[in-house]
C-alpha atoms as a PDB file:
ATOM      1  CA  MET A   1      21.088  -6.823  23.158  1.00  0.00           C
ATOM      2  CA  SER A   2      18.352  -4.189  23.366  1.00  0.00           C
ATOM      3  CA  ASP A   3      15.339  -4.398  25.623  1.00  0.00           C
ATOM      4  CA  PHE A   4      13.247  -5.113  22.552  1.00  0.00           C
ATOM      5  CA  LEU A   5      15.357  -8.071  21.471  1.00  0.00           C
ATOM      6  CA  ASP A   6      15.389  -9.359  25.046  1.00  0.00           C
ATOM      7  CA  ARG A   7      11.617  -9.974  24.722  1.00  0.00           C
ATOM      8  CA  PHE A   8      12.135 -12.838  22.260  1.00  0.00           C
ATOM      9  CA  VAL A   9      12.547 -16.410  23.184  1.00  0.00           C
ATOM     10  CA  ARG A  10      13.583 -19.177  20.693  1.00  0.00           C
ATOM     11  CA  ALA A  11      10.601 -21.308  19.702  1.00  0.00           C
ATOM     12  CA  PRO A  12      10.982 -24.942  20.869  1.00  0.00           C
ATOM     13  CA  GLY A  13      12.088 -27.060  18.100  1.00  0.00           C
ATOM     14  CA  LEU A  14      12.162 -24.182  15.527  1.00  0.00           C
ATOM     15  CA  GLY A  15      15.691 -22.823  15.562  1.00  0.00           C
ATOM     16  CA  ASN A  16      15.182 -19.943  13.213  1.00  0.00           C
ATOM     17  CA  ARG A  17      12.053 -18.524  15.183  1.00  0.00           C
ATOM     18  CA  TYR A  18      11.975 -16.374  18.115  1.00  0.00           C
ATOM     19  CA  GLU A  19       8.700 -15.546  19.775  1.00  0.00           C
ATOM     20  CA  TRP A  20       7.373 -12.644  21.874  1.00  0.00           C
ATOM     21  CA  LYS A  21       4.199 -14.003  23.447  1.00  0.00           C
ATOM     22  CA  SER A  22       2.997 -11.220  25.770  1.00  0.00           C
ATOM     23  CA  ALA A  23       2.937  -8.366  23.085  1.00  0.00           C
ATOM     24  CA  THR A  24       0.094  -5.970  22.622  1.00  0.00           C
ATOM     25  CA  LYS A  25      -1.249  -5.579  19.134  1.00  0.00           C
ATOM     26  CA  PRO A  26       0.246  -2.647  17.466  1.00  0.00           C
ATOM     27  CA  VAL A  27      -2.731  -2.288  15.041  1.00  0.00           C
ATOM     28  CA  PHE A  28      -6.262  -3.698  14.701  1.00  0.00           C
ATOM     29  CA  ARG A  29      -6.719  -3.928  18.408  1.00  0.00           C
ATOM     30  CA  ASN A  30     -10.525  -4.056  18.372  1.00  0.00           C
ATOM     31  CA  ALA A  31     -11.126  -6.027  15.185  1.00  0.00           C
ATOM     32  CA  VAL A  32     -12.511  -9.537  15.604  1.00  0.00           C
ATOM     33  CA  VAL A  33     -14.203 -12.109  13.355  1.00  0.00           C
ATOM     34  CA  LYS A  34     -17.807 -11.682  14.543  1.00  0.00           C
ATOM     35  CA  PHE A  35     -19.584 -13.207  11.466  1.00  0.00           C
ATOM     36  CA  VAL A  36     -18.945 -16.343   9.541  1.00  0.00           C
ATOM     37  CA  PRO A  37     -21.485 -16.714   6.648  1.00  0.00           C
ATOM     38  CA  PRO A  38     -23.228 -19.968   6.098  1.00  0.00           C
ATOM     39  CA  ASP A  39     -21.352 -22.627   4.115  1.00  0.00           C
ATOM     40  CA  ILE A  40     -18.157 -21.083   5.423  1.00  0.00           C
ATOM     41  CA  ASN A  41     -16.356 -22.987   8.223  1.00  0.00           C
ATOM     42  CA  GLU A  42     -14.860 -21.332  11.408  1.00  0.00           C
ATOM     43  CA  PRO A  43     -11.635 -19.402  10.866  1.00  0.00           C
ATOM     44  CA  TYR A  44      -8.284 -20.900  10.971  1.00  0.00           C
ATOM     45  CA  GLY A  45      -6.566 -21.595  14.276  1.00  0.00           C
ATOM     46  CA  ASP A  46      -7.116 -19.544  17.474  1.00  0.00           C
ATOM     47  CA  SER A  47      -6.978 -15.914  18.166  1.00  0.00           C
ATOM     48  CA  GLU A  48      -3.953 -15.890  20.395  1.00  0.00           C
ATOM     49  CA  PHE A  49      -1.695 -13.026  19.377  1.00  0.00           C
ATOM     50  CA  ASP A  50       2.030 -13.227  19.119  1.00  0.00           C
ATOM     51  CA  ILE A  51       5.009 -11.690  17.405  1.00  0.00           C
ATOM     52  CA  THR A  52       7.678 -13.897  15.706  1.00  0.00           C
ATOM     53  CA  ALA A  53      11.135 -12.802  14.592  1.00  0.00           C
ATOM     54  CA  PHE A  54      12.567 -15.131  11.740  1.00  0.00           C
ATOM     55  CA  CYS A  55      16.342 -15.514  11.675  1.00  0.00           C
ATOM     56  CA  GLU A  56      17.079 -17.408   8.522  1.00  0.00           C
ATOM     57  CA  SER A  57      20.918 -16.714   8.884  1.00  0.00           C
ATOM     58  CA  GLY A  58      20.862 -18.672  12.136  1.00  0.00           C
ATOM     59  CA  ASN A  59      21.552 -15.581  14.285  1.00  0.00           C
ATOM     60  CA  VAL A  60      19.421 -14.197  17.056  1.00  0.00           C
ATOM     61  CA  PRO A  61      17.031 -11.333  16.224  1.00  0.00           C
ATOM     62  CA  GLY A  62      18.963  -8.240  15.217  1.00  0.00           C
ATOM     63  CA  SER A  63      18.733  -4.731  13.895  1.00  0.00           C
ATOM     64  CA  LEU A  64      16.500  -5.576  10.811  1.00  0.00           C
ATOM     65  CA  HIS A  65      13.861  -6.914  13.136  1.00  0.00           C
ATOM     66  CA  GLU A  66      14.134  -4.098  15.700  1.00  0.00           C
ATOM     67  CA  ASN A  67      14.098  -1.378  12.926  1.00  0.00           C
ATOM     68  CA  ALA A  68      10.948  -2.942  11.514  1.00  0.00           C
ATOM     69  CA  TRP A  69       9.201  -3.039  14.884  1.00  0.00           C
ATOM     70  CA  ASN A  70      10.228   0.520  15.800  1.00  0.00           C
ATOM     71  CA  PHE A  71       8.941   1.805  12.435  1.00  0.00           C
ATOM     72  CA  LEU A  72       5.616   0.020  12.977  1.00  0.00           C
ATOM     73  CA  GLU A  73       5.178   1.452  16.377  1.00  0.00           C
ATOM     74  CA  ALA A  74       6.011   4.951  15.138  1.00  0.00           C
ATOM     75  CA  ASN A  75       3.754   4.741  12.044  1.00  0.00           C
ATOM     76  CA  ALA A  76       0.935   2.496  13.266  1.00  0.00           C
ATOM     77  CA  ASP A  77      -1.887   4.695  12.057  1.00  0.00           C
ATOM     78  CA  THR A  78      -0.582   4.932   8.495  1.00  0.00           C
ATOM     79  CA  ILE A  79       0.341   1.225   8.360  1.00  0.00           C
ATOM     80  CA  GLU A  80      -3.149   0.260   9.584  1.00  0.00           C
ATOM     81  CA  ALA A  81      -4.827   2.468   6.985  1.00  0.00           C
ATOM     82  CA  ASN A  82      -2.774   0.764   4.201  1.00  0.00           C
ATOM     83  CA  LEU A  83      -3.591  -2.673   5.611  1.00  0.00           C
ATOM     84  CA  ARG A  84      -7.285  -1.700   5.619  1.00  0.00           C
ATOM     85  CA  ARG A  85      -7.158  -0.779   2.062  1.00  0.00           C
ATOM     86  CA  LYS A  86      -5.632  -4.175   1.124  1.00  0.00           C
ATOM     87  CA  LEU A  87      -8.076  -6.087   3.358  1.00  0.00           C
ATOM     88  CA  PHE A  88     -11.069  -4.273   1.955  1.00  0.00           C
ATOM     89  CA  VAL A  89     -10.083  -5.445  -1.626  1.00  0.00           C
ATOM     90  CA  HIS A  90      -9.884  -9.068  -0.141  1.00  0.00           C
ATOM     91  CA  HIS A  91     -13.110  -8.570   1.815  1.00  0.00           C
ATOM     92  CA  MET A  92     -15.047  -7.404  -1.360  1.00  0.00           C
ATOM     93  CA  LYS A  93     -13.840 -10.416  -3.359  1.00  0.00           C
ATOM     94  CA  GLY A  94     -15.076 -12.609  -0.561  1.00  0.00           C
ATOM     95  CA  TYR A  95     -18.283 -10.930  -0.252  1.00  0.00           C
ATOM     96  CA  ARG A  96     -19.198 -10.817  -4.005  1.00  0.00           C
ATOM     97  CA  GLY A  97     -18.105 -14.436  -4.454  1.00  0.00           C
ATOM     98  CA  PHE A  98     -20.299 -15.437  -1.545  1.00  0.00           C
ATOM     99  CA  VAL A  99     -23.382 -13.496  -2.877  1.00  0.00           C
ATOM    100  CA  ASP A 100     -22.918 -14.433  -6.486  1.00  0.00           C
ATOM    101  CA  GLU A 101     -21.721 -18.106  -6.152  1.00  0.00           C
ATOM    102  CA  ILE A 102     -22.769 -19.566  -2.758  1.00  0.00           C
ATOM    103  CA  VAL A 103     -26.004 -17.854  -1.791  1.00  0.00           C
ATOM    104  CA  PRO A 104     -28.004 -19.210  -4.858  1.00  0.00           C
ATOM    105  CA  ASP A 105     -27.143 -22.750  -3.661  1.00  0.00           C
ATOM    106  CA  LEU A 106     -27.958 -22.354   0.069  1.00  0.00           C
ATOM    107  CA  ASP A 107     -30.603 -24.470   1.503  1.00  0.00           C
ATOM    108  CA  ASP A 108     -33.492 -23.051   3.587  1.00  0.00           C
ATOM    109  CA  ASP A 109     -31.643 -23.421   6.843  1.00  0.00           C
ATOM    110  CA  GLU A 110     -28.641 -21.702   5.542  1.00  0.00           C
ATOM    111  CA  LEU A 111     -30.754 -18.910   3.902  1.00  0.00           C
ATOM    112  CA  GLU A 112     -32.258 -18.292   7.288  1.00  0.00           C
ATOM    113  CA  GLU A 113     -28.822 -18.125   8.944  1.00  0.00           C
ATOM    114  CA  TRP A 114     -27.765 -15.630   6.175  1.00  0.00           C
ATOM    115  CA  ASP A 115     -30.905 -13.570   6.706  1.00  0.00           C
ATOM    116  CA  ALA A 116     -30.083 -13.396  10.408  1.00  0.00           C
ATOM    117  CA  ILE A 117     -26.776 -11.538   9.770  1.00  0.00           C
ATOM    118  CA  ARG A 118     -27.441  -9.906   6.325  1.00  0.00           C
ATOM    119  CA  ASP A 119     -28.262  -6.454   7.942  1.00  0.00           C
ATOM    120  CA  ALA A 120     -25.819  -6.803  10.881  1.00  0.00           C
ATOM    121  CA  ILE A 121     -23.126  -4.774   9.225  1.00  0.00           C
ATOM    122  CA  ALA A 122     -22.660  -2.728   6.137  1.00  0.00           C
ATOM    123  CA  TRP A 123     -21.066  -5.433   4.132  1.00  0.00           C
ATOM    124  CA  GLU A 124     -19.990  -3.278   1.176  1.00  0.00           C
ATOM    125  CA  THR A 125     -18.179  -0.672   3.189  1.00  0.00           C
ATOM    126  CA  PRO A 126     -14.686  -0.649   4.934  1.00  0.00           C
ATOM    127  CA  ILE A 127     -16.293  -0.705   8.350  1.00  0.00           C
ATOM    128  CA  ALA A 128     -16.995  -4.483   7.723  1.00  0.00           C
ATOM    129  CA  ILE A 129     -13.341  -5.153   8.190  1.00  0.00           C
ATOM    130  CA  ASP A 130     -13.555  -4.945  11.868  1.00  0.00           C
ATOM    131  CA  SER A 131     -16.109  -7.723  12.035  1.00  0.00           C
ATOM    132  CA  MET A 132     -14.559 -10.027   9.420  1.00  0.00           C
ATOM    133  CA  TYR A 133     -10.929  -9.929  10.208  1.00  0.00           C
ATOM    134  CA  GLU A 134      -8.790 -10.458  13.380  1.00  0.00           C
ATOM    135  CA  LEU A 135      -5.041  -9.826  13.738  1.00  0.00           C
ATOM    136  CA  ILE A 136      -3.525 -12.993  15.204  1.00  0.00           C
ATOM    137  CA  GLY A 137       0.251 -12.447  14.504  1.00  0.00           C
ATOM    138  CA  VAL A 138       3.044 -10.182  13.307  1.00  0.00           C
ATOM    139  CA  GLY A 139       6.163 -11.590  11.599  1.00  0.00           C
ATOM    140  CA  LEU A 140       9.416  -9.665  11.576  1.00  0.00           C
ATOM    141  CA  LEU A 141      11.747 -10.834   8.784  1.00  0.00           C
ATOM    142  CA  GLU A 142      15.374 -10.634   8.125  1.00  0.00           C
ATOM    143  CA  ALA A 143      14.824  -9.527   4.553  1.00  0.00           C
ATOM    144  CA  GLY A 144      14.076  -6.012   3.615  1.00  0.00           C
ATOM    145  CA  LEU A 145      14.543  -3.251   1.022  1.00  0.00           C
ATOM    146  CA  ASP A 146      16.963  -1.351   3.219  1.00  0.00           C
ATOM    147  CA  ASP A 147      18.138  -1.568   6.823  1.00  0.00           C
ATOM    148  CA  CYS A 148      14.580  -2.110   7.886  1.00  0.00           C
ATOM    149  CA  GLY A 149      13.221  -5.612   7.551  1.00  0.00           C
ATOM    150  CA  CYS A 150       9.834  -6.469   6.050  1.00  0.00           C
ATOM    151  CA  CYS A 151       7.046  -7.547   8.317  1.00  0.00           C
ATOM    152  CA  TYR A 152       3.808  -9.440   7.662  1.00  0.00           C
ATOM    153  CA  PHE A 153       0.456  -9.383   9.447  1.00  0.00           C
ATOM    154  CA  ASP A 154      -1.560 -12.603   9.762  1.00  0.00           C
ATOM    155  CA  PHE A 155      -5.366 -12.281  10.009  1.00  0.00           C
ATOM    156  CA  ASN A 156      -8.142 -14.735  10.682  1.00  0.00           C
ATOM    157  CA  CYS A 157     -10.818 -14.151   8.160  1.00  0.00           C
ATOM    158  CA  GLY A 158     -14.545 -14.891   7.946  1.00  0.00           C
ATOM    159  CA  TRP A 159     -14.328 -15.472   4.243  1.00  0.00           C
ATOM    160  CA  ASP A 160     -11.404 -18.014   4.132  1.00  0.00           C
ATOM    161  CA  GLU A 161     -11.549 -20.446   7.020  1.00  0.00           C
ATOM    162  CA  GLU A 162      -8.642 -22.494   5.818  1.00  0.00           C
ATOM    163  CA  HIS A 163      -6.023 -19.971   4.848  1.00  0.00           C
ATOM    164  CA  GLY A 164      -6.881 -16.685   6.407  1.00  0.00           C
ATOM    165  CA  ILE A 165      -4.726 -13.829   4.967  1.00  0.00           C
ATOM    166  CA  SER A 166      -1.269 -12.626   5.441  1.00  0.00           C
ATOM    167  CA  ILE A 167      -0.192  -9.184   4.175  1.00  0.00           C
ATOM    168  CA  LEU A 168       3.537  -8.379   3.679  1.00  0.00           C
ATOM    169  CA  MET A 169       4.716  -4.811   4.157  1.00  0.00           C
ATOM    170  CA  HIS A 170       7.927  -2.932   4.036  1.00  0.00           C
ATOM    171  CA  LYS A 171       7.580   0.280   6.153  1.00  0.00           C
ATOM    172  CA  THR A 172       4.319   1.771   4.957  1.00  0.00           C
ATOM    173  CA  ASN A 173       4.195  -0.060   1.698  1.00  0.00           C
ATOM    174  CA  VAL A 174       1.934  -3.098   1.018  1.00  0.00           C
ATOM    175  CA  LEU A 175       3.945  -5.570  -1.085  1.00  0.00           C
ATOM    176  CA  ALA A 176       1.715  -8.699  -1.338  1.00  0.00           C
ATOM    177  CA  ALA A 177      -0.924 -11.001   0.246  1.00  0.00           C
ATOM    178  CA  ASP A 178      -0.861 -14.762   0.863  1.00  0.00           C
ATOM    179  CA  GLY A 179      -2.363 -17.282   3.169  1.00  0.00           C
ATOM    180  CA  ILE A 180      -1.442 -17.138   6.972  1.00  0.00           C
ATOM    181  CA  SER A 181       2.380 -17.402   7.491  1.00  0.00           C
ATOM    182  CA  GLY A 182       2.796 -17.668   3.690  1.00  0.00           C
ATOM    183  CA  PHE A 183       5.803 -15.381   3.914  1.00  0.00           C
ATOM    184  CA  ALA A 184       7.348 -16.910   7.118  1.00  0.00           C
ATOM    185  CA  ASN A 185      10.033 -19.148   5.515  1.00  0.00           C
ATOM    186  CA  CYS A 186      10.847 -17.256   2.269  1.00  0.00           C
ATOM    187  CA  GLY A 187      14.226 -16.231   3.614  1.00  0.00           C
ATOM    188  CA  SER A 188      16.555 -14.756   1.009  1.00  0.00           C
ATOM    189  CA  GLU A 189      13.899 -15.594  -1.587  1.00  0.00           C
ATOM    190  CA  LEU A 190      11.409 -13.143  -0.181  1.00  0.00           C
ATOM    191  CA  ILE A 191      11.705 -10.536  -2.940  1.00  0.00           C
ATOM    192  CA  PRO A 192      11.464 -13.087  -5.814  1.00  0.00           C
ATOM    193  CA  CYS A 193       8.380 -14.516  -3.899  1.00  0.00           C
ATOM    194  CA  VAL A 194       6.791 -11.120  -3.884  1.00  0.00           C
ATOM    195  CA  GLN A 195       7.521 -10.482  -7.509  1.00  0.00           C
ATOM    196  CA  ALA A 196       5.904 -13.816  -8.417  1.00  0.00           C
ATOM    197  CA  ILE A 197       2.803 -12.944  -6.520  1.00  0.00           C
ATOM    198  CA  GLN A 198       2.580  -9.451  -8.010  1.00  0.00           C
ATOM    199  CA  GLN A 199       2.562 -10.934 -11.498  1.00  0.00           C
ATOM    200  CA  TYR A 200      -1.055 -11.931 -10.925  1.00  0.00           C
ATOM    201  CA  ASP A 201      -2.091 -10.039  -7.782  1.00  0.00           C
ATOM    202  CA  LEU A 202      -1.208  -6.348  -7.653  1.00  0.00           C
ATOM    203  CA  ASP A 203      -3.949  -4.077  -6.351  1.00  0.00           C
ATOM    204  CA  GLU A 204      -4.097  -0.360  -6.772  1.00  0.00           C
ATOM    205  CA  GLY A 205      -1.956   1.245  -3.992  1.00  0.00           C
ATOM    206  CA  ASP A 206       0.421  -1.777  -3.651  1.00  0.00           C
ATOM    207  CA  PHE A 207       4.142  -1.063  -4.009  1.00  0.00           C
ATOM    208  CA  SER A 208       5.241  -2.756  -7.085  1.00  0.00           C
ATOM    209  CA  LEU A 209       8.680  -4.573  -7.205  1.00  0.00           C
ATOM    210  CA  LEU A 210       8.174  -5.625 -10.867  1.00  0.00           C
ATOM    211  CA  GLU A 211      10.477  -4.328 -13.488  1.00  0.00           C
ATOM    212  CA  THR A 212       9.065  -1.671 -15.652  1.00  0.00           C
END
């Protein structure tokens, strides 16, 4: 077993999951949820970061997981840029929904709270991502499009306190988004799951797996 695979320990009670608890974030190292607008609860869970390898076949982590990690490390800047593109789409949906649907119904105290952070960041620019999202986990999957497994990135989010957002990628390609850990247990059904999501949620720049 390689040094990389040696870092993983089987998660107690979860036979198909192996965790690497002391890892350094490969991307989004400085992003953290700084602002939670009024009428939005605190983000999901805590901010402890870990990397999880999923082994649906019952085996220990193998080459698909290691190839995905090595590719991520070697192409971190491009991967982060593509994640930022997807997150910005998600962010603008959250921001516009908040301004259009929630702000009109805020009470006086909530409006005062919103006024206090309204000018804190440039909400309608990509720089807002670093104050509204925080990477809390990376999942390495046994399924992929070649000899490199897919991986997902879990983020706490100031716009969605319950679900956060998880973005699935293969190499540098964004495939789909779901709630936190939404892709964790897809196993051999990962690609059909992605195709089902892409039927109703396929942003410009995403890598389509739909038949043309």
